[in-house]
mmCIF file of all heavy atoms, coordinates in Angstrom:
data_MODEL
# 
_entry.id   MODEL 
# 
loop_
_atom_site.group_PDB 
_atom_site.id 
_atom_site.type_symbol 
_atom_site.label_atom_id 
_atom_site.label_alt_id 
_atom_site.label_comp_id 
_atom_site.label_asym_id 
_atom_site.label_entity_id 
_atom_site.label_seq_id 
_atom_site.pdbx_PDB_ins_code 
_atom_site.Cartn_x 
_atom_site.Cartn_y 
_atom_site.Cartn_z 
_atom_site.occupancy 
_atom_site.B_iso_or_equiv 
_atom_site.pdbx_formal_charge 
_atom_site.auth_seq_id 
_atom_site.auth_comp_id 
_atom_site.auth_asym_id 
_atom_site.auth_atom_id 
_atom_site.pdbx_PDB_model_num 
ATOM 1   N N   . VAL A 1 1  ? 4.530   -4.614  -8.846  1.00 0.00 ? 1  VAL A N   1 
ATOM 2   C CA  . VAL A 1 1  ? 4.336   -3.459  -7.982  1.00 0.00 ? 1  VAL A CA  1 
ATOM 3   C C   . VAL A 1 1  ? 4.887   -2.255  -8.663  1.00 0.00 ? 1  VAL A C   1 
ATOM 4   O O   . VAL A 1 1  ? 6.106   -2.118  -8.854  1.00 0.00 ? 1  VAL A O   1 
ATOM 5   C CB  . VAL A 1 1  ? 5.084   -3.686  -6.615  1.00 0.00 ? 1  VAL A CB  1 
ATOM 6   C CG1 . VAL A 1 1  ? 4.946   -2.447  -5.758  1.00 0.00 ? 1  VAL A CG1 1 
ATOM 7   C CG2 . VAL A 1 1  ? 4.484   -4.888  -5.916  1.00 0.00 ? 1  VAL A CG2 1 
ATOM 8   N N   . ALA A 1 2  ? 3.978   -1.343  -9.060  1.00 0.00 ? 2  ALA A N   1 
ATOM 9   C CA  . ALA A 1 2  ? 4.409   -0.187  -9.802  1.00 0.00 ? 2  ALA A CA  1 
ATOM 10  C C   . ALA A 1 2  ? 5.056   0.851   -8.861  1.00 0.00 ? 2  ALA A C   1 
ATOM 11  O O   . ALA A 1 2  ? 4.531   1.114   -7.781  1.00 0.00 ? 2  ALA A O   1 
ATOM 12  C CB  . ALA A 1 2  ? 3.215   0.496   -10.515 1.00 0.00 ? 2  ALA A CB  1 
ATOM 13  N N   . ALA A 1 3  ? 6.206   1.402   -9.303  1.00 0.00 ? 3  ALA A N   1 
ATOM 14  C CA  . ALA A 1 3  ? 6.938   2.362   -8.472  1.00 0.00 ? 3  ALA A CA  1 
ATOM 15  C C   . ALA A 1 3  ? 6.169   3.699   -8.360  1.00 0.00 ? 3  ALA A C   1 
ATOM 16  O O   . ALA A 1 3  ? 6.339   4.473   -7.427  1.00 0.00 ? 3  ALA A O   1 
ATOM 17  C CB  . ALA A 1 3  ? 8.316   2.592   -9.026  1.00 0.00 ? 3  ALA A CB  1 
ATOM 18  N N   . ASN A 1 4  ? 5.336   3.975   -9.372  1.00 0.00 ? 4  ASN A N   1 
ATOM 19  C CA  . ASN A 1 4  ? 4.538   5.199   -9.360  1.00 0.00 ? 4  ASN A CA  1 
ATOM 20  C C   . ASN A 1 4  ? 5.393   6.446   -9.120  1.00 0.00 ? 4  ASN A C   1 
ATOM 21  O O   . ASN A 1 4  ? 5.135   7.251   -8.228  1.00 0.00 ? 4  ASN A O   1 
ATOM 22  C CB  . ASN A 1 4  ? 3.419   5.070   -8.291  1.00 0.00 ? 4  ASN A CB  1 
ATOM 23  C CG  . ASN A 1 4  ? 2.308   6.078   -8.537  1.00 0.00 ? 4  ASN A CG  1 
ATOM 24  O OD1 . ASN A 1 4  ? 2.237   6.713   -9.570  1.00 0.00 ? 4  ASN A OD1 1 
ATOM 25  N ND2 . ASN A 1 4  ? 1.427   6.216   -7.543  1.00 0.00 ? 4  ASN A ND2 1 
ATOM 26  N N   . GLU A 1 5  ? 6.465   6.540   -9.928  1.00 0.00 ? 5  GLU A N   1 
ATOM 27  C CA  . GLU A 1 5  ? 7.410   7.616   -9.758  1.00 0.00 ? 5  GLU A CA  1 
ATOM 28  C C   . GLU A 1 5  ? 6.798   9.017   -9.933  1.00 0.00 ? 5  GLU A C   1 
ATOM 29  O O   . GLU A 1 5  ? 7.307   9.991   -9.386  1.00 0.00 ? 5  GLU A O   1 
ATOM 30  C CB  . GLU A 1 5  ? 8.613   7.430   -10.685 1.00 0.00 ? 5  GLU A CB  1 
ATOM 31  C CG  . GLU A 1 5  ? 9.387   6.201   -10.370 1.00 0.00 ? 5  GLU A CG  1 
ATOM 32  C CD  . GLU A 1 5  ? 10.531  5.974   -11.400 1.00 0.00 ? 5  GLU A CD  1 
ATOM 33  O OE1 . GLU A 1 5  ? 10.652  6.788   -12.344 1.00 0.00 ? 5  GLU A OE1 1 
ATOM 34  O OE2 . GLU A 1 5  ? 11.317  5.017   -11.194 1.00 0.00 ? 5  GLU A OE2 1 
ATOM 35  N N   . GLU A 1 6  ? 5.759   9.098   -10.758 1.00 0.00 ? 6  GLU A N   1 
ATOM 36  C CA  . GLU A 1 6  ? 5.104   10.398  -10.938 1.00 0.00 ? 6  GLU A CA  1 
ATOM 37  C C   . GLU A 1 6  ? 4.024   10.681  -9.916  1.00 0.00 ? 6  GLU A C   1 
ATOM 38  O O   . GLU A 1 6  ? 3.417   11.758  -9.943  1.00 0.00 ? 6  GLU A O   1 
ATOM 39  C CB  . GLU A 1 6  ? 4.490   10.460  -12.363 1.00 0.00 ? 6  GLU A CB  1 
ATOM 40  C CG  . GLU A 1 6  ? 5.489   10.156  -13.483 1.00 0.00 ? 6  GLU A CG  1 
ATOM 41  C CD  . GLU A 1 6  ? 6.618   11.133  -13.488 1.00 0.00 ? 6  GLU A CD  1 
ATOM 42  O OE1 . GLU A 1 6  ? 6.372   12.317  -13.186 1.00 0.00 ? 6  GLU A OE1 1 
ATOM 43  O OE2 . GLU A 1 6  ? 7.779   10.712  -13.742 1.00 0.00 ? 6  GLU A OE2 1 
ATOM 44  N N   . GLY A 1 7  ? 3.776   9.705   -9.023  1.00 0.00 ? 7  GLY A N   1 
ATOM 45  C CA  . GLY A 1 7  ? 2.705   9.926   -8.036  1.00 0.00 ? 7  GLY A CA  1 
ATOM 46  C C   . GLY A 1 7  ? 3.083   10.873  -6.939  1.00 0.00 ? 7  GLY A C   1 
ATOM 47  O O   . GLY A 1 7  ? 4.317   11.225  -6.803  1.00 0.00 ? 7  GLY A O   1 
ATOM 48  N N   . PRO A 1 8  ? 2.143   11.274  -6.145  1.00 0.00 ? 8  PRO A N   1 
ATOM 49  C CA  . PRO A 1 8  ? 2.448   12.230  -5.053  1.00 0.00 ? 8  PRO A CA  1 
ATOM 50  C C   . PRO A 1 8  ? 3.348   11.584  -3.985  1.00 0.00 ? 8  PRO A C   1 
ATOM 51  O O   . PRO A 1 8  ? 3.330   10.340  -3.795  1.00 0.00 ? 8  PRO A O   1 
ATOM 52  C CB  . PRO A 1 8  ? 1.057   12.569  -4.495  1.00 0.00 ? 8  PRO A CB  1 
ATOM 53  C CG  . PRO A 1 8  ? 0.201   11.386  -4.834  1.00 0.00 ? 8  PRO A CG  1 
ATOM 54  C CD  . PRO A 1 8  ? 0.748   10.905  -6.169  1.00 0.00 ? 8  PRO A CD  1 
ATOM 55  N N   . LEU A 1 9  ? 4.125   12.419  -3.297  1.00 0.00 ? 9  LEU A N   1 
ATOM 56  C CA  . LEU A 1 9  ? 4.971   11.894  -2.224  1.00 0.00 ? 9  LEU A CA  1 
ATOM 57  C C   . LEU A 1 9  ? 4.104   11.619  -0.994  1.00 0.00 ? 9  LEU A C   1 
ATOM 58  O O   . LEU A 1 9  ? 3.152   12.327  -0.677  1.00 0.00 ? 9  LEU A O   1 
ATOM 59  C CB  . LEU A 1 9  ? 6.074   12.890  -1.869  1.00 0.00 ? 9  LEU A CB  1 
ATOM 60  C CG  . LEU A 1 9  ? 7.014   13.270  -3.000  1.00 0.00 ? 9  LEU A CG  1 
ATOM 61  C CD1 . LEU A 1 9  ? 8.036   14.286  -2.515  1.00 0.00 ? 9  LEU A CD1 1 
ATOM 62  C CD2 . LEU A 1 9  ? 7.721   12.009  -3.564  1.00 0.00 ? 9  LEU A CD2 1 
ATOM 63  N N   . LEU A 1 10 ? 4.425   10.554  -0.299  1.00 0.00 ? 10 LEU A N   1 
ATOM 64  C CA  . LEU A 1 10 ? 3.670   10.176  0.932   1.00 0.00 ? 10 LEU A CA  1 
ATOM 65  C C   . LEU A 1 10 ? 4.114   11.124  2.065   1.00 0.00 ? 10 LEU A C   1 
ATOM 66  O O   . LEU A 1 10 ? 5.294   11.173  2.403   1.00 0.00 ? 10 LEU A O   1 
ATOM 67  C CB  . LEU A 1 10 ? 3.941   8.758   1.292   1.00 0.00 ? 10 LEU A CB  1 
ATOM 68  C CG  . LEU A 1 10 ? 3.162   8.190   2.496   1.00 0.00 ? 10 LEU A CG  1 
ATOM 69  C CD1 . LEU A 1 10 ? 1.649   8.176   2.220   1.00 0.00 ? 10 LEU A CD1 1 
ATOM 70  C CD2 . LEU A 1 10 ? 3.636   6.779   2.858   1.00 0.00 ? 10 LEU A CD2 1 
ATOM 71  N N   . ALA A 1 11 ? 3.116   11.771  2.676   1.00 0.00 ? 11 ALA A N   1 
ATOM 72  C CA  . ALA A 1 11 ? 3.437   12.688  3.786   1.00 0.00 ? 11 ALA A CA  1 
ATOM 73  C C   . ALA A 1 11 ? 3.823   11.849  5.026   1.00 0.00 ? 11 ALA A C   1 
ATOM 74  O O   . ALA A 1 11 ? 3.558   10.694  5.138   1.00 0.00 ? 11 ALA A O   1 
ATOM 75  C CB  . ALA A 1 11 ? 2.157   13.520  4.088   1.00 0.00 ? 11 ALA A CB  1 
ATOM 76  N N   . SER A 1 12 ? 4.534   12.564  5.929   1.00 0.00 ? 12 SER A N   1 
ATOM 77  C CA  . SER A 1 12 ? 4.988   11.874  7.156   1.00 0.00 ? 12 SER A CA  1 
ATOM 78  C C   . SER A 1 12 ? 3.792   11.347  7.938   1.00 0.00 ? 12 SER A C   1 
ATOM 79  O O   . SER A 1 12 ? 2.708   12.023  7.977   1.00 0.00 ? 12 SER A O   1 
ATOM 80  C CB  . SER A 1 12 ? 5.748   12.856  8.045   1.00 0.00 ? 12 SER A CB  1 
ATOM 81  O OG  . SER A 1 12 ? 6.913   13.300  7.374   1.00 0.00 ? 12 SER A OG  1 
ATOM 82  N N   . LEU A 1 13 ? 3.933   10.190  8.529   1.00 0.00 ? 13 LEU A N   1 
ATOM 83  C CA  . LEU A 1 13 ? 2.835   9.548   9.197   1.00 0.00 ? 13 LEU A CA  1 
ATOM 84  C C   . LEU A 1 13 ? 2.388   10.396  10.425  1.00 0.00 ? 13 LEU A C   1 
ATOM 85  O O   . LEU A 1 13 ? 3.190   10.768  11.236  1.00 0.00 ? 13 LEU A O   1 
ATOM 86  C CB  . LEU A 1 13 ? 3.244   8.137   9.671   1.00 0.00 ? 13 LEU A CB  1 
ATOM 87  C CG  . LEU A 1 13 ? 2.171   7.291   10.289  1.00 0.00 ? 13 LEU A CG  1 
ATOM 88  C CD1 . LEU A 1 13 ? 1.163   6.843   9.209   1.00 0.00 ? 13 LEU A CD1 1 
ATOM 89  C CD2 . LEU A 1 13 ? 2.805   6.045   10.961  1.00 0.00 ? 13 LEU A CD2 1 
ATOM 90  N N   . THR A 1 14 ? 1.087   10.705  10.445  1.00 0.00 ? 14 THR A N   1 
ATOM 91  C CA  . THR A 1 14 ? 0.533   11.497  11.578  1.00 0.00 ? 14 THR A CA  1 
ATOM 92  C C   . THR A 1 14 ? -0.536  10.726  12.344  1.00 0.00 ? 14 THR A C   1 
ATOM 93  O O   . THR A 1 14 ? -0.715  10.948  13.524  1.00 0.00 ? 14 THR A O   1 
ATOM 94  C CB  . THR A 1 14 ? -0.034  12.802  11.038  1.00 0.00 ? 14 THR A CB  1 
ATOM 95  O OG1 . THR A 1 14 ? -1.066  12.511  10.083  1.00 0.00 ? 14 THR A OG1 1 
ATOM 96  C CG2 . THR A 1 14 ? 1.043   13.691  10.427  1.00 0.00 ? 14 THR A CG2 1 
ATOM 97  N N   . GLY A 1 15 ? -1.260  9.860   11.659  1.00 0.00 ? 15 GLY A N   1 
ATOM 98  C CA  . GLY A 1 15 ? -2.333  9.131   12.277  1.00 0.00 ? 15 GLY A CA  1 
ATOM 99  C C   . GLY A 1 15 ? -2.025  7.689   12.593  1.00 0.00 ? 15 GLY A C   1 
ATOM 100 O O   . GLY A 1 15 ? -1.787  7.307   13.737  1.00 0.00 ? 15 GLY A O   1 
ATOM 101 N N   . GLY A 1 16 ? -1.912  6.885   11.543  1.00 0.00 ? 16 GLY A N   1 
ATOM 102 C CA  . GLY A 1 16 ? -1.631  5.477   11.748  1.00 0.00 ? 16 GLY A CA  1 
ATOM 103 C C   . GLY A 1 16 ? -1.679  4.689   10.456  1.00 0.00 ? 16 GLY A C   1 
ATOM 104 O O   . GLY A 1 16 ? -1.928  5.231   9.385   1.00 0.00 ? 16 GLY A O   1 
ATOM 105 N N   . ILE A 1 17 ? -1.339  3.417   10.581  1.00 0.00 ? 17 ILE A N   1 
ATOM 106 C CA  . ILE A 1 17 ? -1.337  2.508   9.485   1.00 0.00 ? 17 ILE A CA  1 
ATOM 107 C C   . ILE A 1 17 ? -2.493  1.576   9.612   1.00 0.00 ? 17 ILE A C   1 
ATOM 108 O O   . ILE A 1 17 ? -2.840  1.120   10.713  1.00 0.00 ? 17 ILE A O   1 
ATOM 109 C CB  . ILE A 1 17 ? -0.007  1.685   9.482   1.00 0.00 ? 17 ILE A CB  1 
ATOM 110 C CG1 . ILE A 1 17 ? 1.176   2.603   9.409   1.00 0.00 ? 17 ILE A CG1 1 
ATOM 111 C CG2 . ILE A 1 17 ? 0.021   0.660   8.342   1.00 0.00 ? 17 ILE A CG2 1 
ATOM 112 C CD1 . ILE A 1 17 ? 2.501   1.939   9.714   1.00 0.00 ? 17 ILE A CD1 1 
ATOM 113 N N   . ALA A 1 18 ? -3.176  1.268   8.486   1.00 0.00 ? 18 ALA A N   1 
ATOM 114 C CA  . ALA A 1 18 ? -4.349  0.408   8.554   1.00 0.00 ? 18 ALA A CA  1 
ATOM 115 C C   . ALA A 1 18 ? -4.316  -0.644  7.449   1.00 0.00 ? 18 ALA A C   1 
ATOM 116 O O   . ALA A 1 18 ? -3.845  -0.351  6.324   1.00 0.00 ? 18 ALA A O   1 
ATOM 117 C CB  . ALA A 1 18 ? -5.611  1.240   8.477   1.00 0.00 ? 18 ALA A CB  1 
ATOM 118 N N   . PHE A 1 19 ? -4.808  -1.830  7.737   1.00 0.00 ? 19 PHE A N   1 
ATOM 119 C CA  . PHE A 1 19 ? -5.107  -2.829  6.731   1.00 0.00 ? 19 PHE A CA  1 
ATOM 120 C C   . PHE A 1 19 ? -6.615  -2.860  6.601   1.00 0.00 ? 19 PHE A C   1 
ATOM 121 O O   . PHE A 1 19 ? -7.297  -3.076  7.595   1.00 0.00 ? 19 PHE A O   1 
ATOM 122 C CB  . PHE A 1 19 ? -4.584  -4.194  7.154   1.00 0.00 ? 19 PHE A CB  1 
ATOM 123 C CG  . PHE A 1 19 ? -3.111  -4.412  6.903   1.00 0.00 ? 19 PHE A CG  1 
ATOM 124 C CD1 . PHE A 1 19 ? -2.131  -3.581  7.394   1.00 0.00 ? 19 PHE A CD1 1 
ATOM 125 C CD2 . PHE A 1 19 ? -2.723  -5.501  6.077   1.00 0.00 ? 19 PHE A CD2 1 
ATOM 126 C CE1 . PHE A 1 19 ? -0.808  -3.799  7.142   1.00 0.00 ? 19 PHE A CE1 1 
ATOM 127 C CE2 . PHE A 1 19 ? -1.367  -5.721  5.807   1.00 0.00 ? 19 PHE A CE2 1 
ATOM 128 C CZ  . PHE A 1 19 ? -0.388  -4.876  6.343   1.00 0.00 ? 19 PHE A CZ  1 
ATOM 129 N N   . ALA A 1 20 ? -7.089  -2.641  5.389   1.00 0.00 ? 20 ALA A N   1 
ATOM 130 C CA  . ALA A 1 20 ? -8.539  -2.602  5.153   1.00 0.00 ? 20 ALA A CA  1 
ATOM 131 C C   . ALA A 1 20 ? -8.951  -3.795  4.345   1.00 0.00 ? 20 ALA A C   1 
ATOM 132 O O   . ALA A 1 20 ? -8.847  -3.837  3.095   1.00 0.00 ? 20 ALA A O   1 
ATOM 133 C CB  . ALA A 1 20 ? -8.920  -1.314  4.475   1.00 0.00 ? 20 ALA A CB  1 
ATOM 134 N N   . ASN A 1 21 ? -9.437  -4.819  5.020   1.00 0.00 ? 21 ASN A N   1 
ATOM 135 C CA  . ASN A 1 21 ? -10.013 -6.023  4.377   1.00 0.00 ? 21 ASN A CA  1 
ATOM 136 C C   . ASN A 1 21 ? -9.047  -6.596  3.343   1.00 0.00 ? 21 ASN A C   1 
ATOM 137 O O   . ASN A 1 21 ? -9.358  -6.865  2.195   1.00 0.00 ? 21 ASN A O   1 
ATOM 138 C CB  . ASN A 1 21 ? -11.345 -5.686  3.724   1.00 0.00 ? 21 ASN A CB  1 
ATOM 139 C CG  . ASN A 1 21 ? -12.143 -6.944  3.394   1.00 0.00 ? 21 ASN A CG  1 
ATOM 140 O OD1 . ASN A 1 21 ? -12.023 -7.962  4.080   1.00 0.00 ? 21 ASN A OD1 1 
ATOM 141 N ND2 . ASN A 1 21 ? -12.897 -6.876  2.306   1.00 0.00 ? 21 ASN A ND2 1 
ATOM 142 N N   . VAL A 1 22 ? -7.779  -6.768  3.770   1.00 0.00 ? 22 VAL A N   1 
ATOM 143 C CA  . VAL A 1 22 ? -6.707  -7.219  2.878   1.00 0.00 ? 22 VAL A CA  1 
ATOM 144 C C   . VAL A 1 22 ? -6.741  -8.724  2.693   1.00 0.00 ? 22 VAL A C   1 
ATOM 145 O O   . VAL A 1 22 ? -6.722  -9.488  3.642   1.00 0.00 ? 22 VAL A O   1 
ATOM 146 C CB  . VAL A 1 22 ? -5.368  -6.762  3.433   1.00 0.00 ? 22 VAL A CB  1 
ATOM 147 C CG1 . VAL A 1 22 ? -4.201  -7.411  2.629   1.00 0.00 ? 22 VAL A CG1 1 
ATOM 148 C CG2 . VAL A 1 22 ? -5.257  -5.228  3.348   1.00 0.00 ? 22 VAL A CG2 1 
ATOM 149 N N   . THR A 1 23 ? -6.716  -9.137  1.415   1.00 0.00 ? 23 THR A N   1 
ATOM 150 C CA  . THR A 1 23 ? -6.582  -10.507 1.001   1.00 0.00 ? 23 THR A CA  1 
ATOM 151 C C   . THR A 1 23 ? -5.380  -10.607 0.056   1.00 0.00 ? 23 THR A C   1 
ATOM 152 O O   . THR A 1 23 ? -5.269  -9.819  -0.874  1.00 0.00 ? 23 THR A O   1 
ATOM 153 C CB  . THR A 1 23 ? -7.831  -11.052 0.352   1.00 0.00 ? 23 THR A CB  1 
ATOM 154 O OG1 . THR A 1 23 ? -8.880  -11.081 1.287   1.00 0.00 ? 23 THR A OG1 1 
ATOM 155 C CG2 . THR A 1 23 ? -7.641  -12.466 -0.182  1.00 0.00 ? 23 THR A CG2 1 
ATOM 156 N N   . PHE A 1 24 ? -4.492  -11.580 0.316   1.00 0.00 ? 24 PHE A N   1 
ATOM 157 C CA  . PHE A 1 24 ? -3.324  -11.722 -0.557  1.00 0.00 ? 24 PHE A CA  1 
ATOM 158 C C   . PHE A 1 24 ? -2.837  -13.179 -0.536  1.00 0.00 ? 24 PHE A C   1 
ATOM 159 O O   . PHE A 1 24 ? -2.877  -13.814 0.482   1.00 0.00 ? 24 PHE A O   1 
ATOM 160 C CB  . PHE A 1 24 ? -2.183  -10.814 -0.108  1.00 0.00 ? 24 PHE A CB  1 
ATOM 161 C CG  . PHE A 1 24 ? -0.876  -11.055 -0.798  1.00 0.00 ? 24 PHE A CG  1 
ATOM 162 C CD1 . PHE A 1 24 ? -0.666  -10.509 -2.074  1.00 0.00 ? 24 PHE A CD1 1 
ATOM 163 C CD2 . PHE A 1 24 ? 0.098   -11.838 -0.265  1.00 0.00 ? 24 PHE A CD2 1 
ATOM 164 C CE1 . PHE A 1 24 ? 0.487   -10.751 -2.773  1.00 0.00 ? 24 PHE A CE1 1 
ATOM 165 C CE2 . PHE A 1 24 ? 1.275   -12.111 -0.972  1.00 0.00 ? 24 PHE A CE2 1 
ATOM 166 C CZ  . PHE A 1 24 ? 1.487   -11.519 -2.198  1.00 0.00 ? 24 PHE A CZ  1 
ATOM 167 N N   . GLY A 1 25 ? -2.370  -13.633 -1.722  1.00 0.00 ? 25 GLY A N   1 
ATOM 168 C CA  . GLY A 1 25 ? -1.771  -14.934 -1.821  1.00 0.00 ? 25 GLY A CA  1 
ATOM 169 C C   . GLY A 1 25 ? -0.636  -14.897 -2.804  1.00 0.00 ? 25 GLY A C   1 
ATOM 170 O O   . GLY A 1 25 ? -0.678  -14.217 -3.831  1.00 0.00 ? 25 GLY A O   1 
ATOM 171 N N   . TYR A 1 26 ? 0.479   -15.600 -2.481  1.00 0.00 ? 26 TYR A N   1 
ATOM 172 C CA  . TYR A 1 26 ? 1.629   -15.642 -3.400  1.00 0.00 ? 26 TYR A CA  1 
ATOM 173 C C   . TYR A 1 26 ? 1.306   -16.494 -4.634  1.00 0.00 ? 26 TYR A C   1 
ATOM 174 O O   . TYR A 1 26 ? 1.936   -16.295 -5.692  1.00 0.00 ? 26 TYR A O   1 
ATOM 175 C CB  . TYR A 1 26 ? 2.823   -16.225 -2.654  1.00 0.00 ? 26 TYR A CB  1 
ATOM 176 C CG  . TYR A 1 26 ? 3.294   -15.383 -1.516  1.00 0.00 ? 26 TYR A CG  1 
ATOM 177 C CD1 . TYR A 1 26 ? 2.948   -15.684 -0.184  1.00 0.00 ? 26 TYR A CD1 1 
ATOM 178 C CD2 . TYR A 1 26 ? 4.048   -14.249 -1.729  1.00 0.00 ? 26 TYR A CD2 1 
ATOM 179 C CE1 . TYR A 1 26 ? 3.337   -14.919 0.867   1.00 0.00 ? 26 TYR A CE1 1 
ATOM 180 C CE2 . TYR A 1 26 ? 4.448   -13.433 -0.654  1.00 0.00 ? 26 TYR A CE2 1 
ATOM 181 C CZ  . TYR A 1 26 ? 4.107   -13.793 0.653   1.00 0.00 ? 26 TYR A CZ  1 
ATOM 182 O OH  . TYR A 1 26 ? 4.478   -13.021 1.693   1.00 0.00 ? 26 TYR A OH  1 
ATOM 183 N N   . THR A 1 27 ? 0.352   -17.392 -4.485  1.00 0.00 ? 27 THR A N   1 
ATOM 184 C CA  . THR A 1 27 ? -0.133  -18.146 -5.627  1.00 0.00 ? 27 THR A CA  1 
ATOM 185 C C   . THR A 1 27 ? -1.644  -18.091 -5.592  1.00 0.00 ? 27 THR A C   1 
ATOM 186 O O   . THR A 1 27 ? -2.249  -17.909 -4.539  1.00 0.00 ? 27 THR A O   1 
ATOM 187 C CB  . THR A 1 27 ? 0.337   -19.626 -5.550  1.00 0.00 ? 27 THR A CB  1 
ATOM 188 O OG1 . THR A 1 27 ? -0.233  -20.220 -4.350  1.00 0.00 ? 27 THR A OG1 1 
ATOM 189 C CG2 . THR A 1 27 ? 1.824   -19.725 -5.516  1.00 0.00 ? 27 THR A CG2 1 
ATOM 190 N N   . PRO A 1 28 ? -2.321  -18.262 -6.730  1.00 0.00 ? 28 PRO A N   1 
ATOM 191 C CA  . PRO A 1 28 ? -3.777  -18.174 -6.804  1.00 0.00 ? 28 PRO A CA  1 
ATOM 192 C C   . PRO A 1 28 ? -4.462  -19.263 -5.922  1.00 0.00 ? 28 PRO A C   1 
ATOM 193 O O   . PRO A 1 28 ? -5.578  -19.057 -5.451  1.00 0.00 ? 28 PRO A O   1 
ATOM 194 C CB  . PRO A 1 28 ? -4.107  -18.391 -8.268  1.00 0.00 ? 28 PRO A CB  1 
ATOM 195 C CG  . PRO A 1 28 ? -2.834  -18.013 -9.014  1.00 0.00 ? 28 PRO A CG  1 
ATOM 196 C CD  . PRO A 1 28 ? -1.719  -18.429 -8.112  1.00 0.00 ? 28 PRO A CD  1 
ATOM 197 N N   . GLU A 1 29 ? -3.729  -20.371 -5.717  1.00 0.00 ? 29 GLU A N   1 
ATOM 198 C CA  . GLU A 1 29 ? -4.345  -21.486 -5.019  1.00 0.00 ? 29 GLU A CA  1 
ATOM 199 C C   . GLU A 1 29 ? -4.363  -21.312 -3.469  1.00 0.00 ? 29 GLU A C   1 
ATOM 200 O O   . GLU A 1 29 ? -5.159  -21.956 -2.791  1.00 0.00 ? 29 GLU A O   1 
ATOM 201 C CB  . GLU A 1 29 ? -3.603  -22.783 -5.323  1.00 0.00 ? 29 GLU A CB  1 
ATOM 202 C CG  . GLU A 1 29 ? -3.611  -23.150 -6.824  1.00 0.00 ? 29 GLU A CG  1 
ATOM 203 C CD  . GLU A 1 29 ? -2.556  -22.404 -7.573  1.00 0.00 ? 29 GLU A CD  1 
ATOM 204 O OE1 . GLU A 1 29 ? -1.581  -21.916 -6.908  1.00 0.00 ? 29 GLU A OE1 1 
ATOM 205 O OE2 . GLU A 1 29 ? -2.652  -22.288 -8.797  1.00 0.00 ? 29 GLU A OE2 1 
# 
């Protein structure tokens, strides 16, 4: 997980949080 220290700062939340078709596994299997 890259810290992205040079990336833009995240603005204060105004709308909401969304998961968009998220797939994740701790192992490939």
